[in-house]
Amino acid sequence: MYDLEGVLGASVTGFVERHVRSLLTWDILVFFHRNPDAVLDDEGLALRLGRRVEEIELEVESLCSGMILQKAGGLIRYKPTPEMRETITGFVDACQDRGRRLALIALVLHKINPQPSR
């Protein structure tokens, strides 16, 4: 098995394990990291990501539970703690490097569709 933690680092690997449920979660995180002052409703976020509202609802709910996003009055805001913001920065930075991005994709896809041990 490829040493994903060695490529990504323990902080990014742990973050993905705890918070990145899907590639859509990934897109939402990158969007809000790059647009930290954005305040959108579900429809606005879905439009910006090219997704249906139904697709983003569970992901947004999960990120709110993880204390990354905040939703009040139907509006979604990026509200991570300073420590979480630093970890998300590490995640987004990893997305920019081809080798690390491939490791991230492998980690997320394995999480979505785990293969049985042989």
N, C-alpha and C. Protein backbone atom coordinates (compact mmCIF):
# COMPACT_ATOMS: atom_id res chain seq x y z
N MET A 1 0.85 -1.21 0.00
CA MET A 1 0.00 0.00 0.00
C MET A 1 0.87 1.24 0.00
N TYR A 2 0.50 2.20 -0.74
CA TYR A 2 1.19 3.48 -0.85
C TYR A 2 1.14 4.19 0.50
N ASP A 3 2.25 4.80 0.92
CA ASP A 3 2.33 5.48 2.21
C ASP A 3 1.74 6.89 2.09
N LEU A 4 0.41 6.96 2.17
CA LEU A 4 -0.27 8.24 1.98
C LEU A 4 0.08 9.23 3.08
N GLU A 5 0.19 8.77 4.31
CA GLU A 5 0.53 9.67 5.40
C GLU A 5 1.93 10.23 5.21
N GLY A 6 2.84 9.41 4.67
CA GLY A 6 4.20 9.88 4.41
C GLY A 6 4.22 10.97 3.34
N VAL A 7 3.33 10.88 2.39
CA VAL A 7 3.25 11.87 1.31
C VAL A 7 2.51 13.12 1.77
N LEU A 8 1.42 12.93 2.50
CA LEU A 8 0.53 14.04 2.86
C LEU A 8 0.84 14.66 4.22
N GLY A 9 1.41 13.88 5.12
CA GLY A 9 1.60 14.33 6.49
C GLY A 9 0.42 13.91 7.34
N ALA A 10 0.71 13.72 8.62
CA ALA A 10 -0.32 13.23 9.55
C ALA A 10 -1.48 14.21 9.70
N SER A 11 -1.19 15.49 9.69
CA SER A 11 -2.24 16.50 9.88
C SER A 11 -3.26 16.46 8.75
N VAL A 12 -2.78 16.45 7.50
CA VAL A 12 -3.68 16.44 6.35
C VAL A 12 -4.41 15.11 6.27
N THR A 13 -3.69 14.01 6.49
CA THR A 13 -4.32 12.68 6.44
C THR A 13 -5.44 12.58 7.48
N GLY A 14 -5.15 13.01 8.70
CA GLY A 14 -6.15 12.98 9.76
C GLY A 14 -7.35 13.87 9.44
N PHE A 15 -7.08 15.03 8.86
CA PHE A 15 -8.16 15.94 8.47
C PHE A 15 -9.08 15.27 7.45
N VAL A 16 -8.48 14.65 6.44
CA VAL A 16 -9.28 13.98 5.40
C VAL A 16 -10.09 12.86 6.03
N GLU A 17 -9.46 12.07 6.89
CA GLU A 17 -10.18 10.96 7.54
C GLU A 17 -11.38 11.46 8.34
N ARG A 18 -11.23 12.59 9.00
CA ARG A 18 -12.31 13.10 9.86
C ARG A 18 -13.36 13.92 9.12
N HIS A 19 -12.95 14.67 8.09
CA HIS A 19 -13.86 15.68 7.55
C HIS A 19 -14.21 15.56 6.07
N VAL A 20 -13.41 14.90 5.26
CA VAL A 20 -13.66 14.88 3.82
C VAL A 20 -14.40 13.60 3.46
N ARG A 21 -15.73 13.73 3.39
CA ARG A 21 -16.60 12.57 3.14
C ARG A 21 -16.63 12.17 1.68
N SER A 22 -16.32 13.13 0.78
CA SER A 22 -16.46 12.88 -0.65
C SER A 22 -15.67 13.92 -1.42
N LEU A 23 -15.63 13.75 -2.73
CA LEU A 23 -14.99 14.76 -3.57
C LEU A 23 -15.78 16.06 -3.56
N LEU A 24 -17.08 15.99 -3.32
CA LEU A 24 -17.88 17.20 -3.19
C LEU A 24 -17.50 17.97 -1.92
N THR A 25 -17.28 17.25 -0.83
CA THR A 25 -16.81 17.92 0.40
C THR A 25 -15.51 18.65 0.09
N TRP A 26 -14.62 18.00 -0.63
CA TRP A 26 -13.36 18.59 -1.05
C TRP A 26 -13.62 19.90 -1.78
N ASP A 27 -14.53 19.89 -2.76
CA ASP A 27 -14.85 21.10 -3.53
C ASP A 27 -15.39 22.21 -2.63
N ILE A 28 -16.24 21.86 -1.69
CA ILE A 28 -16.81 22.87 -0.78
C ILE A 28 -15.70 23.48 0.08
N LEU A 29 -14.82 22.65 0.60
CA LEU A 29 -13.72 23.14 1.43
C LEU A 29 -12.82 24.10 0.65
N VAL A 30 -12.45 23.70 -0.55
CA VAL A 30 -11.57 24.55 -1.37
C VAL A 30 -12.28 25.85 -1.72
N PHE A 31 -13.57 25.78 -2.06
CA PHE A 31 -14.32 26.99 -2.38
C PHE A 31 -14.29 27.97 -1.21
N PHE A 32 -14.65 27.50 -0.03
CA PHE A 32 -14.71 28.42 1.11
C PHE A 32 -13.32 28.87 1.56
N HIS A 33 -12.32 28.03 1.41
CA HIS A 33 -10.96 28.44 1.75
C HIS A 33 -10.52 29.59 0.83
N ARG A 34 -10.86 29.48 -0.43
CA ARG A 34 -10.48 30.52 -1.40
C ARG A 34 -11.39 31.74 -1.35
N ASN A 35 -12.57 31.59 -0.78
CA ASN A 35 -13.56 32.67 -0.67
C ASN A 35 -14.04 32.75 0.78
N PRO A 36 -13.14 33.06 1.72
CA PRO A 36 -13.49 32.96 3.14
C PRO A 36 -14.58 33.91 3.60
N ASP A 37 -14.86 34.97 2.85
CA ASP A 37 -15.90 35.91 3.24
C ASP A 37 -17.24 35.63 2.57
N ALA A 38 -17.31 34.55 1.78
CA ALA A 38 -18.55 34.21 1.09
C ALA A 38 -19.64 33.84 2.10
N VAL A 39 -20.82 34.33 1.84
CA VAL A 39 -22.01 33.98 2.63
C VAL A 39 -23.08 33.61 1.60
N LEU A 40 -23.43 32.33 1.58
CA LEU A 40 -24.32 31.81 0.54
C LEU A 40 -25.40 30.94 1.16
N ASP A 41 -26.51 30.84 0.45
CA ASP A 41 -27.49 29.83 0.82
C ASP A 41 -27.17 28.56 0.02
N ASP A 42 -27.92 27.50 0.28
CA ASP A 42 -27.66 26.23 -0.40
C ASP A 42 -27.69 26.39 -1.92
N GLU A 43 -28.66 27.14 -2.42
CA GLU A 43 -28.80 27.31 -3.86
C GLU A 43 -27.59 28.04 -4.45
N GLY A 44 -27.13 29.08 -3.77
CA GLY A 44 -25.98 29.84 -4.25
C GLY A 44 -24.72 29.00 -4.28
N LEU A 45 -24.51 28.19 -3.24
CA LEU A 45 -23.33 27.32 -3.21
C LEU A 45 -23.43 26.26 -4.29
N ALA A 46 -24.59 25.67 -4.43
CA ALA A 46 -24.79 24.64 -5.47
C ALA A 46 -24.51 25.23 -6.85
N LEU A 47 -24.98 26.42 -7.10
CA LEU A 47 -24.77 27.08 -8.38
C LEU A 47 -23.28 27.30 -8.64
N ARG A 48 -22.56 27.80 -7.65
CA ARG A 48 -21.13 28.07 -7.81
C ARG A 48 -20.31 26.81 -8.02
N LEU A 49 -20.79 25.69 -7.46
CA LEU A 49 -20.06 24.43 -7.60
C LEU A 49 -20.57 23.58 -8.77
N GLY A 50 -21.62 24.05 -9.43
CA GLY A 50 -22.18 23.29 -10.55
C GLY A 50 -22.85 22.00 -10.09
N ARG A 51 -23.47 22.04 -8.93
CA ARG A 51 -24.12 20.87 -8.35
C ARG A 51 -25.59 21.16 -8.07
N ARG A 52 -26.33 20.10 -7.75
CA ARG A 52 -27.72 20.26 -7.34
C ARG A 52 -27.75 20.52 -5.84
N VAL A 53 -28.74 21.25 -5.39
CA VAL A 53 -28.89 21.57 -3.97
C VAL A 53 -28.91 20.30 -3.14
N GLU A 54 -29.64 19.28 -3.60
CA GLU A 54 -29.76 18.04 -2.85
C GLU A 54 -28.39 17.40 -2.60
N GLU A 55 -27.47 17.58 -3.53
CA GLU A 55 -26.15 16.97 -3.39
C GLU A 55 -25.33 17.63 -2.29
N ILE A 56 -25.48 18.93 -2.11
CA ILE A 56 -24.62 19.63 -1.16
C ILE A 56 -25.14 19.62 0.27
N GLU A 57 -26.42 19.37 0.46
CA GLU A 57 -27.02 19.51 1.79
C GLU A 57 -26.33 18.66 2.86
N LEU A 58 -26.12 17.37 2.59
CA LEU A 58 -25.49 16.50 3.59
C LEU A 58 -24.03 16.89 3.83
N GLU A 59 -23.36 17.32 2.78
CA GLU A 59 -21.96 17.72 2.92
C GLU A 59 -21.84 18.97 3.78
N VAL A 60 -22.71 19.94 3.53
CA VAL A 60 -22.71 21.17 4.32
C VAL A 60 -23.03 20.84 5.78
N GLU A 61 -24.01 19.99 5.98
CA GLU A 61 -24.39 19.59 7.35
C GLU A 61 -23.20 18.95 8.07
N SER A 62 -22.49 18.07 7.38
CA SER A 62 -21.33 17.42 7.96
C SER A 62 -20.22 18.42 8.30
N LEU A 63 -19.98 19.37 7.41
CA LEU A 63 -18.95 20.39 7.67
C LEU A 63 -19.37 21.34 8.79
N CYS A 64 -20.67 21.54 8.95
CA CYS A 64 -21.15 22.34 10.09
C CYS A 64 -20.93 21.56 11.39
N SER A 65 -21.22 20.27 11.38
CA SER A 65 -20.98 19.42 12.55
C SER A 65 -19.50 19.38 12.90
N GLY A 66 -18.65 19.46 11.88
CA GLY A 66 -17.21 19.45 12.09
C GLY A 66 -16.64 20.80 12.46
N MET A 67 -17.53 21.79 12.66
CA MET A 67 -17.13 23.14 13.08
C MET A 67 -16.26 23.85 12.04
N ILE A 68 -16.50 23.55 10.76
CA ILE A 68 -15.78 24.21 9.68
C ILE A 68 -16.67 25.26 9.04
N LEU A 69 -17.92 24.90 8.81
CA LEU A 69 -18.91 25.84 8.29
C LEU A 69 -19.91 26.13 9.38
N GLN A 70 -20.61 27.24 9.21
CA GLN A 70 -21.70 27.62 10.12
C GLN A 70 -22.90 27.96 9.24
N LYS A 71 -24.05 27.46 9.63
CA LYS A 71 -25.27 27.75 8.88
C LYS A 71 -26.29 28.34 9.83
N ALA A 72 -26.72 29.54 9.53
CA ALA A 72 -27.72 30.22 10.36
C ALA A 72 -28.61 31.03 9.43
N GLY A 73 -29.91 30.94 9.67
CA GLY A 73 -30.85 31.66 8.83
C GLY A 73 -30.78 31.27 7.38
N GLY A 74 -30.37 30.02 7.13
CA GLY A 74 -30.27 29.53 5.76
C GLY A 74 -29.00 29.95 5.05
N LEU A 75 -28.11 30.69 5.72
CA LEU A 75 -26.87 31.16 5.10
C LEU A 75 -25.67 30.39 5.63
N ILE A 76 -24.79 30.04 4.72
CA ILE A 76 -23.61 29.25 5.05
C ILE A 76 -22.39 30.18 5.07
N ARG A 77 -21.60 30.04 6.14
CA ARG A 77 -20.37 30.83 6.30
C ARG A 77 -19.22 29.89 6.63
N TYR A 78 -18.02 30.31 6.29
CA TYR A 78 -16.79 29.60 6.62
C TYR A 78 -16.36 30.07 8.00
N LYS A 79 -16.37 29.18 8.99
CA LYS A 79 -16.09 29.57 10.38
C LYS A 79 -15.19 28.57 11.10
N PRO A 80 -14.06 28.16 10.50
CA PRO A 80 -13.19 27.25 11.25
C PRO A 80 -12.42 27.99 12.34
N THR A 81 -11.99 27.25 13.35
CA THR A 81 -11.12 27.84 14.36
C THR A 81 -9.79 28.17 13.68
N PRO A 82 -8.96 29.01 14.28
CA PRO A 82 -7.65 29.31 13.69
C PRO A 82 -6.82 28.04 13.44
N GLU A 83 -6.87 27.09 14.35
CA GLU A 83 -6.12 25.84 14.18
C GLU A 83 -6.67 25.03 13.00
N MET A 84 -8.00 24.97 12.91
CA MET A 84 -8.62 24.24 11.81
C MET A 84 -8.34 24.94 10.48
N ARG A 85 -8.35 26.25 10.49
CA ARG A 85 -8.05 27.01 9.27
C ARG A 85 -6.64 26.68 8.78
N GLU A 86 -5.70 26.54 9.71
CA GLU A 86 -4.33 26.18 9.36
C GLU A 86 -4.27 24.78 8.74
N THR A 87 -5.02 23.85 9.31
CA THR A 87 -5.07 22.49 8.77
C THR A 87 -5.71 22.49 7.39
N ILE A 88 -6.76 23.26 7.21
CA ILE A 88 -7.42 23.35 5.89
C ILE A 88 -6.47 23.97 4.88
N THR A 89 -5.68 24.94 5.30
CA THR A 89 -4.67 25.53 4.41
C THR A 89 -3.69 24.44 3.95
N GLY A 90 -3.28 23.58 4.87
CA GLY A 90 -2.40 22.47 4.50
C GLY A 90 -3.06 21.53 3.50
N PHE A 91 -4.34 21.27 3.70
CA PHE A 91 -5.10 20.43 2.77
C PHE A 91 -5.16 21.08 1.39
N VAL A 92 -5.53 22.36 1.33
CA VAL A 92 -5.65 23.06 0.05
C VAL A 92 -4.28 23.17 -0.63
N ASP A 93 -3.23 23.42 0.15
CA ASP A 93 -1.88 23.45 -0.42
C ASP A 93 -1.52 22.10 -1.03
N ALA A 94 -1.89 21.02 -0.35
CA ALA A 94 -1.62 19.68 -0.87
C ALA A 94 -2.35 19.45 -2.20
N CYS A 95 -3.50 20.07 -2.36
CA CYS A 95 -4.27 19.94 -3.60
C CYS A 95 -3.53 20.56 -4.79
N GLN A 96 -2.61 21.48 -4.53
CA GLN A 96 -1.92 22.19 -5.60
C GLN A 96 -0.74 21.41 -6.18
N ASP A 97 -0.23 20.44 -5.42
CA ASP A 97 0.91 19.64 -5.85
C ASP A 97 0.40 18.34 -6.45
N ARG A 98 0.83 18.02 -7.68
CA ARG A 98 0.29 16.87 -8.40
C ARG A 98 0.40 15.57 -7.60
N GLY A 99 1.58 15.26 -7.09
CA GLY A 99 1.77 14.01 -6.36
C GLY A 99 0.92 13.94 -5.11
N ARG A 100 0.86 15.03 -4.39
CA ARG A 100 0.06 15.06 -3.17
C ARG A 100 -1.44 15.03 -3.50
N ARG A 101 -1.84 15.69 -4.60
CA ARG A 101 -3.25 15.67 -5.02
C ARG A 101 -3.67 14.25 -5.35
N LEU A 102 -2.79 13.50 -6.06
CA LEU A 102 -3.11 12.11 -6.37
C LEU A 102 -3.24 11.28 -5.11
N ALA A 103 -2.38 11.53 -4.12
CA ALA A 103 -2.48 10.83 -2.84
C ALA A 103 -3.80 11.17 -2.14
N LEU A 104 -4.20 12.45 -2.20
CA LEU A 104 -5.47 12.87 -1.60
C LEU A 104 -6.64 12.17 -2.29
N ILE A 105 -6.61 12.13 -3.61
CA ILE A 105 -7.68 11.47 -4.35
C ILE A 105 -7.76 10.00 -3.95
N ALA A 106 -6.60 9.34 -3.87
CA ALA A 106 -6.59 7.93 -3.48
C ALA A 106 -7.17 7.75 -2.08
N LEU A 107 -6.81 8.64 -1.16
CA LEU A 107 -7.32 8.55 0.21
C LEU A 107 -8.84 8.74 0.26
N VAL A 108 -9.34 9.74 -0.45
CA VAL A 108 -10.79 10.00 -0.45
C VAL A 108 -11.54 8.87 -1.14
N LEU A 109 -11.02 8.40 -2.27
CA LEU A 109 -11.71 7.31 -2.97
C LEU A 109 -11.71 6.03 -2.14
N HIS A 110 -10.63 5.77 -1.43
CA HIS A 110 -10.59 4.59 -0.55
C HIS A 110 -11.61 4.74 0.58
N LYS A 111 -11.76 5.95 1.05
CA LYS A 111 -12.73 6.21 2.13
C LYS A 111 -14.16 6.00 1.62
N ILE A 112 -14.42 6.45 0.39
CA ILE A 112 -15.75 6.32 -0.20
C ILE A 112 -16.07 4.86 -0.51
N ASN A 113 -15.07 4.14 -1.03
CA ASN A 113 -15.29 2.77 -1.47
C ASN A 113 -14.16 1.88 -0.95
N PRO A 114 -14.17 1.57 0.35
CA PRO A 114 -13.09 0.77 0.91
C PRO A 114 -13.05 -0.64 0.30
N GLN A 115 -11.85 -1.08 0.03
CA GLN A 115 -11.65 -2.42 -0.50
C GLN A 115 -11.41 -3.38 0.66
N PRO A 116 -12.00 -4.56 0.59
CA PRO A 116 -11.77 -5.52 1.68
C PRO A 116 -10.30 -5.93 1.73
N SER A 117 -9.83 -6.22 2.93
CA SER A 117 -8.45 -6.67 3.10
C SER A 117 -8.30 -8.04 2.48
N ARG A 118 -7.12 -8.27 1.92
CA ARG A 118 -6.88 -9.58 1.28
C ARG A 118 -5.99 -10.41 2.12
